Amino acid sequence: MFSIVLGVALLLMVGALVTADRALSSASGEAAAVDALESSQLFEQIVAQQTEAINLFRGPLALPSDRSPQLERMAKSYIESAPGLRDLTIVDSAGRVLYGATPTSLASINRRGATMTPGPDGAVILTVPLSSEARSLGIAIARFDARRLFATALDTAPDTRARLVLTSGRDSVVDVGSRAHGTSLAWRSGMVRVPGATWSLSVGHAQRSQILRITLWTLGLVAMLVFGGGVLRERRQALRVAERSAELERLSSELLRANRMKSEFLANVSHELRTPLNAIVGFVDLLRDGVYGELSTRQAPPVERIAASATHLRHLVDQVLDIAKIAAGRLEVHAETIVLRPFVLNVVSELEPLITERGLNLSIAVGGSLPRVRTDPTHLRQILVNLIGNAIKYTPAGGIAVRGRLTGLPAPGSRSTVQEDPALLNRSPDRRKTWIALQVIDTGIGISPSDQERIFDEFEQVNAGPRSDSMERGTGLGLAISRRLARLLGGEISVESQPGKGSTFTIWLPVSPGDIPVEPTEQPASPQRAAV
């Protein structure tokens, strides 16, 4: 789409350049056309004025006698007033020269009508027959210097006129101006009607907008090159983006397919591993119960070792299967309403032998007044087992505490028993809701701030044991599964810890407003009627 917009802008720019260039060019041409028309009219007016002035000599020629003095006075007056007049000759009807020099050949003179012809040395010859009442009186022949005769038309030229050429056939009458401009002038033509002929007039005007046109085209071409480069660059980039998008789509589909195959593989392998593991655990339990005979003192420790390893392996397989189900979105939630205190006591009692074995103290502070929670007890049990198991593993000395607290903002106007602990409330996932914060607190080795978010990633461990000790090392899936399960239940898991000072893992369980206990309000005493 962007390439189309750039292409349209490029076409509009080319159109604007051509339009501007034509406008600038036509401006010089229009000025030349106007100059040619006005100059033609001026040339015709000048010739007409001289023809009318020469026709005035009919008066003296029409006198019956003694016409020479008057003719001479009129001729001298005309010679003084006529611009560019070189000489004047007046001949009567009999061919006698009454004024001026004798012409070269009277026979070649047209006696029927006035004529104007170019002569040598830049001269023009105006021949006017003089007649009165259809009677020929004579002929007047005036020879003018062309430039001086047409000086009025030549001097009134506009500033943009560079050259003017007046021709009669192949003969040049007037050619003024510079010839250095050549074909860069804007030429326009006109016609000048003179007695007995029609002359051609050509006017050339300098294109003063030439520099502007060159600048305009230069800037326009540079802009078009930039736009063209932008279009090509955008096109290449669009092709690269399309190729990268296709490649990313292909890789994404392959990644999804690989992830799906991985999940299916993990699920299948985990399921297949459970069958022999269940058989191993079952036969170990039979051995420990003496079904196949009483175990000797040498046999009992290896059997216990086998039982512990099998149990640990089954736990790992269960974790892998759980993470595969969560990734595939096939882990189901079966919500039930549970009372939290007996539930927590039941879970902790299962792990109490491990706590006692490590020599750790145990405290449980989950009040019986806490509201009921609607959640999946299986998933919540798994979260608690993972968190308490980690606390046992990473607490070499000290103790472990399990604490439950209700936190949240009470509804306006209500008198609920929600605890308003500002520090705990600020750490809740949503301050607008009510939560039960079920905390597992230990005095273990702690977690550095840079690792407190990384520990919830899959297969990530901090201070993992040696690879030879898989019982202590684990898989790094416990916290990842716990956080995903907590979010699946509508809650969250957060951690607070300092290296060397222990850790506090908090399970945030959402509480329905209808399950929150409300403090009883005192009923006002009914008014009694006073005794009379």
Protein backbone atom coordinates (compact mmCIF):
# COMPACT_ATOMS: atom_id res chain seq x y z
CA MET A 1 0.00 0.00 0.00
CA PHE A 2 2.84 2.36 0.83
CA SER A 3 4.46 1.61 -2.55
CA ILE A 4 1.21 2.51 -4.32
CA VAL A 5 1.03 5.80 -2.43
CA LEU A 6 4.63 6.61 -3.35
CA GLY A 7 3.94 5.74 -6.99
CA VAL A 8 0.89 8.01 -7.11
CA ALA A 9 2.90 10.82 -5.47
CA LEU A 10 5.64 10.33 -8.09
CA LEU A 11 3.13 10.57 -10.94
CA LEU A 12 1.57 13.69 -9.42
CA MET A 13 5.01 15.27 -9.10
CA VAL A 14 5.82 14.56 -12.76
CA GLY A 15 2.47 16.04 -13.79
CA ALA A 16 3.08 19.12 -11.66
CA LEU A 17 6.54 19.61 -13.21
CA VAL A 18 5.21 19.33 -16.76
CA THR A 19 2.34 21.71 -15.99
CA ALA A 20 4.64 24.27 -14.38
CA ASP A 21 7.11 24.01 -17.27
CA ARG A 22 4.38 24.55 -19.83
CA ALA A 23 3.04 27.50 -17.87
CA LEU A 24 6.48 29.14 -17.76
CA SER A 25 7.12 28.42 -21.45
CA SER A 26 3.71 29.67 -22.55
CA ALA A 27 4.25 32.91 -20.63
CA SER A 28 7.18 33.87 -22.93
CA GLY A 29 5.24 32.71 -26.01
CA GLU A 30 2.18 34.74 -25.05
CA ALA A 31 4.33 37.84 -24.53
CA ALA A 32 5.92 37.33 -27.97
CA ALA A 33 2.49 36.89 -29.62
CA VAL A 34 1.19 40.12 -28.07
CA ASP A 35 4.37 41.97 -29.12
CA ALA A 36 4.08 40.65 -32.69
CA LEU A 37 0.46 41.83 -32.98
CA GLU A 38 1.15 45.27 -31.52
CA SER A 39 4.31 45.74 -33.63
CA SER A 40 2.42 44.81 -36.82
CA GLN A 41 -0.19 47.44 -36.08
CA LEU A 42 2.49 50.06 -35.38
CA PHE A 43 4.31 49.29 -38.65
CA GLU A 44 1.05 49.60 -40.61
CA GLN A 45 0.15 52.87 -38.87
CA ILE A 46 3.58 54.38 -39.66
CA VAL A 47 3.29 53.45 -43.36
CA ALA A 48 -0.29 54.73 -43.52
CA GLN A 49 0.76 58.07 -41.96
CA GLN A 50 3.53 58.56 -44.53
CA THR A 51 1.21 57.64 -47.40
CA GLU A 52 -1.39 60.18 -46.24
CA ALA A 53 1.29 62.83 -45.82
CA ILE A 54 2.57 62.29 -49.37
CA ASN A 55 -0.98 62.46 -50.79
CA LEU A 56 -1.08 66.10 -49.63
CA PHE A 57 1.16 66.98 -52.59
CA ARG A 58 -1.93 66.69 -54.84
CA GLY A 59 -2.89 70.21 -53.88
CA PRO A 60 0.09 72.03 -55.43
CA LEU A 61 0.07 69.71 -58.46
CA ALA A 62 -3.57 70.54 -59.15
CA LEU A 63 -2.83 74.27 -59.49
CA PRO A 64 -3.11 75.50 -63.12
CA SER A 65 0.08 77.56 -62.98
CA ASP A 66 2.90 78.81 -60.80
CA ARG A 67 2.88 75.73 -58.59
CA SER A 68 6.63 75.40 -58.06
CA PRO A 69 6.99 77.74 -55.04
CA GLN A 70 4.17 76.17 -53.09
CA LEU A 71 5.34 72.67 -54.04
CA GLU A 72 8.86 73.47 -52.88
CA ARG A 73 7.68 74.89 -49.53
CA MET A 74 5.52 71.84 -48.87
CA ALA A 75 8.34 69.47 -49.86
CA LYS A 76 10.82 71.13 -47.53
CA SER A 77 8.28 71.04 -44.66
CA TYR A 78 7.62 67.34 -45.28
CA ILE A 79 11.33 66.52 -45.45
CA GLU A 80 11.88 68.18 -42.10
CA SER A 81 9.01 66.32 -40.41
CA ALA A 82 9.26 62.87 -42.01
CA PRO A 83 11.43 60.48 -39.88
CA GLY A 84 14.28 58.82 -41.73
CA LEU A 85 13.49 60.44 -45.11
CA ARG A 86 16.57 60.34 -47.32
CA ASP A 87 15.23 61.97 -50.47
CA LEU A 88 11.95 62.95 -52.14
CA THR A 89 11.14 63.10 -55.83
CA ILE A 90 7.95 64.52 -57.37
CA VAL A 91 7.21 63.93 -61.05
CA ASP A 92 4.21 65.34 -62.93
CA SER A 93 2.01 63.38 -65.28
CA ALA A 94 4.16 64.34 -68.27
CA GLY A 95 7.26 62.83 -66.69
CA ARG A 96 8.92 66.07 -65.75
CA VAL A 97 10.71 66.20 -62.42
CA LEU A 98 9.15 68.98 -60.39
CA TYR A 99 11.16 68.39 -57.19
CA GLY A 100 14.15 66.35 -56.24
CA ALA A 101 16.59 64.31 -58.27
CA THR A 102 15.65 62.43 -61.37
CA PRO A 103 14.86 58.79 -60.60
CA THR A 104 16.93 56.06 -62.16
CA SER A 105 14.11 54.69 -64.27
CA LEU A 106 10.68 56.18 -64.43
CA ALA A 107 9.46 53.36 -66.63
CA SER A 108 9.68 50.83 -63.78
CA ILE A 109 7.52 52.91 -61.48
CA ASN A 110 3.99 51.64 -60.89
CA ARG A 111 1.60 54.47 -61.69
CA ARG A 112 -1.60 52.63 -60.83
CA GLY A 113 -1.25 52.24 -57.08
CA ALA A 114 0.96 52.98 -54.11
CA THR A 115 3.79 50.54 -53.43
CA MET A 116 6.43 50.11 -50.81
CA THR A 117 9.52 48.07 -51.58
CA PRO A 118 12.83 47.42 -49.81
CA GLY A 119 15.84 49.16 -51.27
CA PRO A 120 19.61 48.91 -50.86
CA ASP A 121 21.49 50.02 -47.75
CA GLY A 122 18.55 49.41 -45.37
CA ALA A 123 16.22 51.74 -47.27
CA VAL A 124 12.54 51.39 -48.17
CA ILE A 125 10.99 53.17 -51.16
CA LEU A 126 7.42 54.42 -50.97
CA THR A 127 5.85 55.27 -54.33
CA VAL A 128 2.49 57.07 -54.23
CA PRO A 129 0.55 58.02 -57.43
CA LEU A 130 -1.02 61.49 -57.10
CA SER A 131 -4.40 62.00 -58.77
CA SER A 132 -7.44 64.26 -58.47
CA GLU A 133 -10.95 63.41 -59.73
CA ALA A 134 -9.72 60.40 -61.69
CA ARG A 135 -7.04 62.56 -63.32
CA SER A 136 -3.39 61.68 -62.86
CA LEU A 137 -1.35 64.55 -61.49
CA GLY A 138 1.99 62.84 -61.01
CA ILE A 139 3.99 60.52 -58.77
CA ALA A 140 5.76 61.06 -55.44
CA ILE A 141 8.73 58.82 -54.63
CA ALA A 142 10.09 58.87 -51.06
CA ARG A 143 13.12 56.88 -49.93
CA PHE A 144 13.36 56.25 -46.17
CA ASP A 145 15.91 54.78 -43.83
CA ALA A 146 13.99 51.73 -42.54
CA ARG A 147 15.26 51.82 -38.98
CA ARG A 148 14.59 55.51 -38.54
CA LEU A 149 11.20 55.25 -40.21
CA PHE A 150 10.07 52.43 -37.93
CA ALA A 151 11.91 53.75 -34.87
CA THR A 152 8.65 54.22 -32.99
CA ALA A 153 7.75 50.54 -33.37
CA LEU A 154 11.29 49.44 -32.57
CA ASP A 155 11.74 51.67 -29.51
CA THR A 156 8.45 50.69 -27.85
CA ALA A 157 9.56 47.06 -27.55
CA PRO A 158 9.05 45.26 -24.20
CA ASP A 159 12.06 44.28 -22.13
CA THR A 160 11.76 40.62 -23.02
CA ARG A 161 12.06 41.22 -26.79
CA ALA A 162 15.42 39.91 -27.96
CA ARG A 163 15.05 40.12 -31.76
CA LEU A 164 12.72 41.51 -34.46
CA VAL A 165 12.90 40.59 -38.15
CA LEU A 166 10.80 42.30 -40.85
CA THR A 167 11.11 40.75 -44.32
CA SER A 168 9.62 41.25 -47.76
CA GLY A 169 9.88 37.92 -49.45
CA ARG A 170 13.56 37.01 -49.22
CA ASP A 171 14.66 40.61 -48.66
CA SER A 172 15.29 41.75 -45.11
CA VAL A 173 13.75 45.11 -44.27
CA VAL A 174 14.63 45.39 -40.58
CA ASP A 175 16.62 42.96 -38.44
CA VAL A 176 17.32 44.25 -34.95
CA GLY A 177 18.36 42.49 -31.80
CA SER A 178 20.94 39.92 -30.77
CA ARG A 179 21.40 36.64 -32.65
CA ALA A 180 23.27 34.97 -29.81
CA HIS A 181 20.13 33.48 -28.26
CA GLY A 182 19.58 31.13 -31.18
CA THR A 183 16.69 28.71 -30.76
CA SER A 184 16.24 29.46 -27.06
CA LEU A 185 13.90 32.35 -27.95
CA ALA A 186 10.15 32.08 -28.02
CA TRP A 187 9.22 33.12 -31.59
CA ARG A 188 5.87 34.43 -32.79
CA SER A 189 4.98 35.71 -36.30
CA GLY A 190 2.76 38.44 -37.69
CA MET A 191 1.89 40.22 -40.97
CA VAL A 192 2.45 43.86 -41.88
CA ARG A 193 0.23 45.14 -44.73
CA VAL A 194 2.02 47.87 -46.68
CA PRO A 195 0.98 49.43 -49.99
CA GLY A 196 1.24 46.83 -52.71
CA ALA A 197 2.57 44.00 -50.52
CA THR A 198 2.40 42.06 -47.26
CA TRP A 199 5.56 41.78 -45.22
CA SER A 200 6.34 39.11 -42.64
CA LEU A 201 7.19 40.02 -39.07
CA SER A 202 8.91 37.64 -36.60
CA VAL A 203 9.42 38.55 -32.95
CA GLY A 204 11.63 36.55 -30.61
CA HIS A 205 11.40 36.95 -26.84
CA ALA A 206 14.01 35.76 -24.38
CA GLN A 207 12.72 33.12 -21.99
CA ARG A 208 13.62 34.75 -18.69
CA SER A 209 12.03 31.85 -16.88
CA GLN A 210 14.70 29.51 -18.30
CA ILE A 211 16.75 29.58 -15.08
CA LEU A 212 13.59 29.00 -13.07
CA ARG A 213 12.64 26.13 -15.35
CA ILE A 214 16.10 24.56 -15.03
CA THR A 215 15.97 24.94 -11.24
CA LEU A 216 12.46 23.53 -11.18
CA TRP A 217 13.40 20.51 -13.28
CA THR A 218 16.58 19.93 -11.29
CA LEU A 219 14.75 19.93 -7.98
CA GLY A 220 11.94 17.90 -9.48
CA LEU A 221 14.28 15.28 -10.89
CA VAL A 222 16.14 15.06 -7.58
CA ALA A 223 12.83 14.66 -5.75
CA MET A 224 11.68 12.05 -8.27
CA LEU A 225 14.94 10.15 -7.84
CA VAL A 226 14.49 10.24 -4.07
CA PHE A 227 10.89 9.11 -4.38
CA GLY A 228 11.84 6.49 -6.92
CA GLY A 229 14.57 5.24 -4.62
CA GLY A 230 12.06 5.21 -1.79
CA VAL A 231 9.60 3.21 -3.89
CA LEU A 232 12.28 0.70 -4.87
CA ARG A 233 13.57 0.49 -1.29
CA GLU A 234 10.05 0.06 0.05
CA ARG A 235 9.37 -2.59 -2.56
CA ARG A 236 12.52 -4.50 -1.68
CA GLN A 237 11.74 -4.15 2.02
CA ALA A 238 8.18 -5.36 1.43
CA LEU A 239 9.54 -8.37 -0.43
CA ARG A 240 11.98 -9.06 2.40
CA VAL A 241 9.21 -8.67 4.97
CA ALA A 242 7.00 -11.02 2.96
CA GLU A 243 9.79 -13.56 2.73
CA ARG A 244 10.54 -13.22 6.45
CA SER A 245 6.83 -13.52 7.26
CA ALA A 246 6.56 -16.66 5.17
CA GLU A 247 9.69 -18.03 6.83
CA LEU A 248 8.38 -17.12 10.29
CA GLU A 249 5.05 -18.75 9.51
CA ARG A 250 6.84 -21.87 8.37
CA LEU A 251 9.06 -21.89 11.46
CA SER A 252 6.06 -21.18 13.68
CA SER A 253 4.13 -24.07 12.21
CA GLU A 254 7.16 -26.30 12.59
CA LEU A 255 7.63 -25.10 16.16
CA LEU A 256 4.01 -25.74 17.01
CA ARG A 257 4.23 -29.15 15.41
CA ALA A 258 7.44 -29.94 17.33
CA ASN A 259 5.93 -28.65 20.56
CA ARG A 260 2.82 -30.75 20.01
CA MET A 261 4.94 -33.80 19.23
CA LYS A 262 7.04 -33.10 22.35
CA SER A 263 3.95 -32.85 24.51
CA GLU A 264 2.52 -36.02 23.03
CA PHE A 265 5.85 -37.76 23.46
CA LEU A 266 6.16 -36.68 27.09
CA ALA A 267 2.60 -37.70 27.81
CA ASN A 268 3.01 -41.09 26.12
CA VAL A 269 6.40 -41.78 27.69
CA SER A 270 5.22 -40.68 31.13
CA HIS A 271 2.14 -42.84 30.82
CA GLU A 272 4.17 -45.83 29.66
CA LEU A 273 6.69 -45.36 32.47
CA ARG A 274 3.97 -45.40 35.09
CA THR A 275 3.03 -49.05 34.42
CA PRO A 276 6.43 -50.61 35.26
CA LEU A 277 6.93 -48.09 38.08
CA ASN A 278 3.62 -49.09 39.66
CA ALA A 279 4.71 -52.75 39.41
CA ILE A 280 8.05 -51.96 41.04
CA VAL A 281 6.41 -50.00 43.84
CA GLY A 282 3.82 -52.71 44.33
CA PHE A 283 6.34 -55.55 44.57
CA VAL A 284 8.55 -53.47 46.89
CA ASP A 285 5.57 -52.94 49.19
CA LEU A 286 4.93 -56.70 49.14
CA LEU A 287 8.58 -57.34 50.02
CA ARG A 288 8.42 -54.83 52.87
CA ASP A 289 5.18 -56.40 54.17
CA GLY A 290 6.81 -59.88 54.28
CA VAL A 291 4.53 -61.49 51.70
CA TYR A 292 7.55 -63.30 50.26
CA GLY A 293 9.13 -63.92 53.59
CA GLU A 294 10.67 -61.83 56.28
CA LEU A 295 13.56 -59.58 55.14
CA SER A 296 16.90 -60.06 56.78
CA THR A 297 18.85 -57.21 58.24
CA ARG A 298 21.04 -57.14 55.13
CA GLN A 299 18.03 -57.13 52.77
CA ALA A 300 15.95 -54.41 54.45
CA PRO A 301 18.16 -51.36 53.62
CA PRO A 302 18.40 -52.16 49.84
CA VAL A 303 14.64 -52.70 49.69
CA GLU A 304 14.05 -49.35 51.41
CA ARG A 305 16.45 -47.76 48.93
CA ILE A 306 14.56 -49.30 46.04
CA ALA A 307 11.26 -48.07 47.48
CA ALA A 308 12.58 -44.50 47.92
CA SER A 309 14.07 -44.40 44.43
CA ALA A 310 10.89 -45.80 42.87
CA THR A 311 8.77 -43.27 44.72
CA HIS A 312 11.08 -40.45 43.64
CA LEU A 313 11.02 -41.64 40.03
CA ARG A 314 7.23 -41.87 40.04
CA HIS A 315 7.11 -38.32 41.40
CA LEU A 316 9.36 -37.09 38.57
CA VAL A 317 7.26 -38.90 35.97
CA ASP A 318 4.12 -37.31 37.43
CA GLN A 319 5.73 -33.87 37.16
CA VAL A 320 6.69 -34.41 33.52
CA LEU A 321 3.18 -35.64 32.75
CA ASP A 322 1.63 -32.64 34.53
CA ILE A 323 3.77 -30.11 32.64
CA ALA A 324 2.89 -31.84 29.36
CA LYS A 325 -0.84 -31.72 30.17
CA ILE A 326 -0.64 -28.06 31.19
CA ALA A 327 1.23 -27.15 27.98
CA ALA A 328 -1.37 -29.02 25.91
CA GLY A 329 -4.24 -27.39 27.82
CA ARG A 330 -5.66 -30.77 28.82
CA LEU A 331 -5.37 -30.44 32.59
CA GLU A 332 -8.87 -30.39 34.07
CA VAL A 333 -10.03 -28.52 37.16
CA HIS A 334 -12.63 -30.04 39.47
CA ALA A 335 -13.58 -27.32 41.93
CA GLU A 336 -14.86 -28.22 45.38
CA THR A 337 -15.62 -26.18 48.49
CA ILE A 338 -13.05 -26.95 51.17
CA VAL A 339 -12.32 -25.76 54.70
CA LEU A 340 -8.71 -24.66 54.61
CA ARG A 341 -7.48 -25.52 58.15
CA PRO A 342 -8.15 -29.30 58.15
CA PHE A 343 -7.00 -29.48 54.54
CA VAL A 344 -3.62 -27.89 55.34
CA LEU A 345 -3.21 -30.05 58.46
CA ASN A 346 -3.82 -33.17 56.40
CA VAL A 347 -1.21 -32.19 53.77
CA VAL A 348 1.40 -31.17 56.36
CA SER A 349 0.90 -34.41 58.32
CA GLU A 350 2.02 -36.37 55.27
CA LEU A 351 5.29 -34.43 55.14
CA GLU A 352 5.86 -34.21 58.89
CA PRO A 353 8.14 -37.30 59.00
CA LEU A 354 10.51 -35.60 56.50
CA ILE A 355 10.52 -32.42 58.61
CA THR A 356 11.24 -34.38 61.77
CA GLU A 357 13.97 -36.37 60.02
CA ARG A 358 15.79 -33.11 59.10
CA GLY A 359 15.47 -31.84 62.69
CA LEU A 360 13.37 -28.82 61.71
CA ASN A 361 10.67 -27.07 63.68
CA LEU A 362 7.13 -26.91 62.27
CA SER A 363 4.41 -24.39 63.02
CA ILE A 364 0.96 -24.06 61.47
CA ALA A 365 -1.06 -20.87 61.81
CA VAL A 366 -4.17 -21.41 59.68
CA GLY A 367 -7.19 -20.09 61.57
CA GLY A 368 -10.44 -21.97 61.69
CA SER A 369 -12.33 -18.71 61.03
CA LEU A 370 -10.97 -18.40 57.53
CA PRO A 371 -13.71 -18.54 54.89
CA ARG A 372 -14.26 -21.59 52.78
CA VAL A 373 -12.43 -21.77 49.45
CA ARG A 374 -13.80 -23.17 46.23
CA THR A 375 -10.87 -24.76 44.40
CA ASP A 376 -9.49 -28.06 43.14
CA PRO A 377 -8.15 -29.89 46.22
CA THR A 378 -5.89 -32.19 44.16
CA HIS A 379 -4.07 -29.30 42.49
CA LEU A 380 -3.90 -27.28 45.71
CA ARG A 381 -2.45 -30.31 47.52
CA GLN A 382 0.18 -30.66 44.77
CA ILE A 383 1.15 -26.97 45.12
CA LEU A 384 1.51 -27.26 48.90
CA VAL A 385 3.53 -30.48 48.66
CA ASN A 386 5.91 -28.86 46.14
CA LEU A 387 6.41 -25.72 48.24
CA ILE A 388 6.82 -27.53 51.56
CA GLY A 389 9.11 -30.11 49.93
CA ASN A 390 11.34 -27.32 48.57
CA ALA A 391 11.37 -25.67 52.00
CA ILE A 392 12.51 -28.95 53.58
CA LYS A 393 15.17 -29.46 50.92
CA TYR A 394 16.72 -25.98 51.20
CA THR A 395 16.45 -25.46 54.99
CA PRO A 396 19.45 -27.03 56.72
CA ALA A 397 18.48 -25.66 60.16
CA GLY A 398 15.67 -23.70 61.74
CA GLY A 399 12.05 -24.27 60.98
CA ILE A 400 9.14 -24.17 58.54
CA ALA A 401 5.85 -22.36 59.09
CA VAL A 402 2.57 -22.55 57.20
CA ARG A 403 0.38 -19.50 57.74
CA GLY A 404 -3.00 -18.50 56.29
CA ARG A 405 -4.32 -14.93 56.32
CA LEU A 406 -7.35 -13.21 54.80
CA THR A 407 -6.61 -9.93 53.07
CA GLY A 408 -8.40 -7.48 50.85
CA LEU A 409 -10.40 -4.27 50.91
CA PRO A 410 -13.84 -4.67 52.52
CA ALA A 411 -16.86 -3.59 50.58
CA PRO A 412 -18.07 -0.05 51.32
CA GLY A 413 -20.47 -0.02 54.26
CA SER A 414 -19.77 -3.66 55.26
CA ARG A 415 -18.34 -4.89 58.59
CA SER A 416 -16.49 -7.94 57.30
CA THR A 417 -13.59 -9.50 59.15
CA VAL A 418 -11.15 -9.03 56.28
CA GLN A 419 -7.71 -8.21 57.65
CA GLU A 420 -6.29 -4.98 56.35
CA ASP A 421 -2.55 -5.63 56.33
CA PRO A 422 -1.17 -2.87 54.04
CA ALA A 423 2.09 -4.72 53.28
CA LEU A 424 0.31 -7.96 52.40
CA LEU A 425 -2.47 -6.16 50.55
CA ASN A 426 0.02 -4.34 48.31
CA ARG A 427 1.53 -7.66 47.20
CA SER A 428 -1.83 -9.19 46.22
CA PRO A 429 -2.49 -9.86 42.52
CA ASP A 430 -5.56 -7.59 42.52
CA ARG A 431 -6.27 -5.18 45.39
CA ARG A 432 -9.94 -4.97 44.39
CA LYS A 433 -10.52 -8.64 45.32
CA THR A 434 -10.39 -10.61 48.54
CA TRP A 435 -7.71 -13.28 48.87
CA ILE A 436 -6.49 -15.93 51.27
CA ALA A 437 -2.69 -15.69 51.42
CA LEU A 438 -1.45 -19.20 52.23
CA GLN A 439 2.25 -18.76 53.03
CA VAL A 440 5.05 -21.34 53.35
CA ILE A 441 7.87 -19.70 55.33
CA ASP A 442 11.32 -21.22 55.89
CA THR A 443 14.62 -20.16 57.41
CA GLY A 444 16.70 -21.72 54.66
CA ILE A 445 19.43 -20.52 52.33
CA GLY A 446 17.22 -17.95 50.60
CA ILE A 447 17.10 -16.78 46.96
CA SER A 448 18.85 -13.78 45.44
CA PRO A 449 16.62 -11.09 43.86
CA SER A 450 18.01 -11.82 40.36
CA ASP A 451 16.85 -15.45 40.61
CA GLN A 452 13.43 -14.94 42.18
CA GLU A 453 11.64 -14.84 38.82
CA ARG A 454 13.84 -17.36 37.04
CA ILE A 455 13.00 -20.16 39.48
CA PHE A 456 9.45 -20.30 38.09
CA ASP A 457 10.72 -21.21 34.60
CA GLU A 458 10.76 -24.80 33.48
CA PHE A 459 13.93 -26.81 34.19
CA GLU A 460 15.47 -23.85 36.06
CA GLN A 461 17.16 -24.50 39.41
CA VAL A 462 19.13 -22.38 41.86
CA ASN A 463 21.86 -24.07 43.95
CA ALA A 464 21.00 -27.46 42.46
CA GLY A 465 22.72 -30.48 43.94
CA PRO A 466 25.28 -32.60 42.07
CA ARG A 467 24.06 -34.63 39.11
CA SER A 468 25.02 -37.83 40.88
CA ASP A 469 22.49 -37.07 43.62
CA SER A 470 19.19 -36.95 41.70
CA MET A 471 17.20 -37.36 44.93
CA GLU A 472 18.35 -33.92 46.02
CA ARG A 473 18.73 -32.34 42.59
CA GLY A 474 15.21 -32.78 41.14
CA THR A 475 14.05 -31.65 37.68
CA GLY A 476 13.34 -27.94 38.11
CA LEU A 477 9.63 -28.43 37.30
CA GLY A 478 8.09 -28.16 40.78
CA LEU A 479 7.77 -24.36 40.97
CA ALA A 480 6.88 -24.05 37.27
CA ILE A 481 4.03 -26.55 37.74
CA SER A 482 2.95 -24.89 40.99
CA ARG A 483 2.66 -21.42 39.45
CA ARG A 484 0.76 -22.76 36.43
CA LEU A 485 -1.60 -24.69 38.67
CA ALA A 486 -2.15 -21.62 40.87
CA ARG A 487 -3.04 -19.52 37.83
CA LEU A 488 -5.28 -22.32 36.61
CA LEU A 489 -7.13 -22.07 39.93
CA GLY A 490 -7.56 -18.31 39.49
CA GLY A 491 -4.75 -17.35 41.85
CA GLU A 492 -1.01 -16.72 41.82
CA ILE A 493 2.25 -17.60 43.57
CA SER A 494 4.74 -14.95 44.68
CA VAL A 495 8.03 -15.14 46.53
CA GLU A 496 9.93 -12.94 48.96
CA SER A 497 13.42 -13.94 49.95
CA GLN A 498 16.85 -12.78 51.01
CA PRO A 499 20.00 -14.87 50.71
CA GLY A 500 20.79 -16.47 54.09
CA LYS A 501 17.52 -15.33 55.70
CA GLY A 502 15.01 -17.75 54.26
CA SER A 503 12.10 -17.49 51.82
CA THR A 504 8.35 -16.91 51.92
CA PHE A 505 6.24 -18.42 49.13
CA THR A 506 2.65 -17.12 49.08
CA ILE A 507 -0.24 -18.93 47.39
CA TRP A 508 -2.99 -16.42 46.58
CA LEU A 509 -6.40 -18.11 46.60
CA PRO A 510 -9.44 -16.06 45.50
CA VAL A 511 -12.37 -15.89 47.94
CA SER A 512 -15.97 -15.39 46.94
CA PRO A 513 -17.53 -12.34 48.67
CA GLY A 514 -20.42 -14.54 49.82
CA ASP A 515 -18.05 -16.78 51.80
CA ILE A 516 -16.55 -13.92 53.83
CA PRO A 517 -17.85 -13.96 57.43
CA VAL A 518 -19.59 -10.81 58.57
CA GLU A 519 -19.51 -9.51 62.11
CA PRO A 520 -22.98 -9.40 63.69
CA THR A 521 -24.37 -5.93 64.11
CA GLU A 522 -26.11 -4.81 67.31
CA GLN A 523 -29.88 -4.48 66.96
CA PRO A 524 -31.21 -1.15 68.26
CA ALA A 525 -33.56 -1.41 71.22
CA SER A 526 -37.22 -0.95 70.35
CA PRO A 527 -38.73 2.16 71.89
CA GLN A 528 -40.98 1.55 74.90
CA ARG A 529 -44.04 3.60 75.72
CA ALA A 530 -43.53 5.71 78.85
CA ALA A 531 -45.60 4.84 81.90
CA VAL A 532 -48.26 7.31 82.78
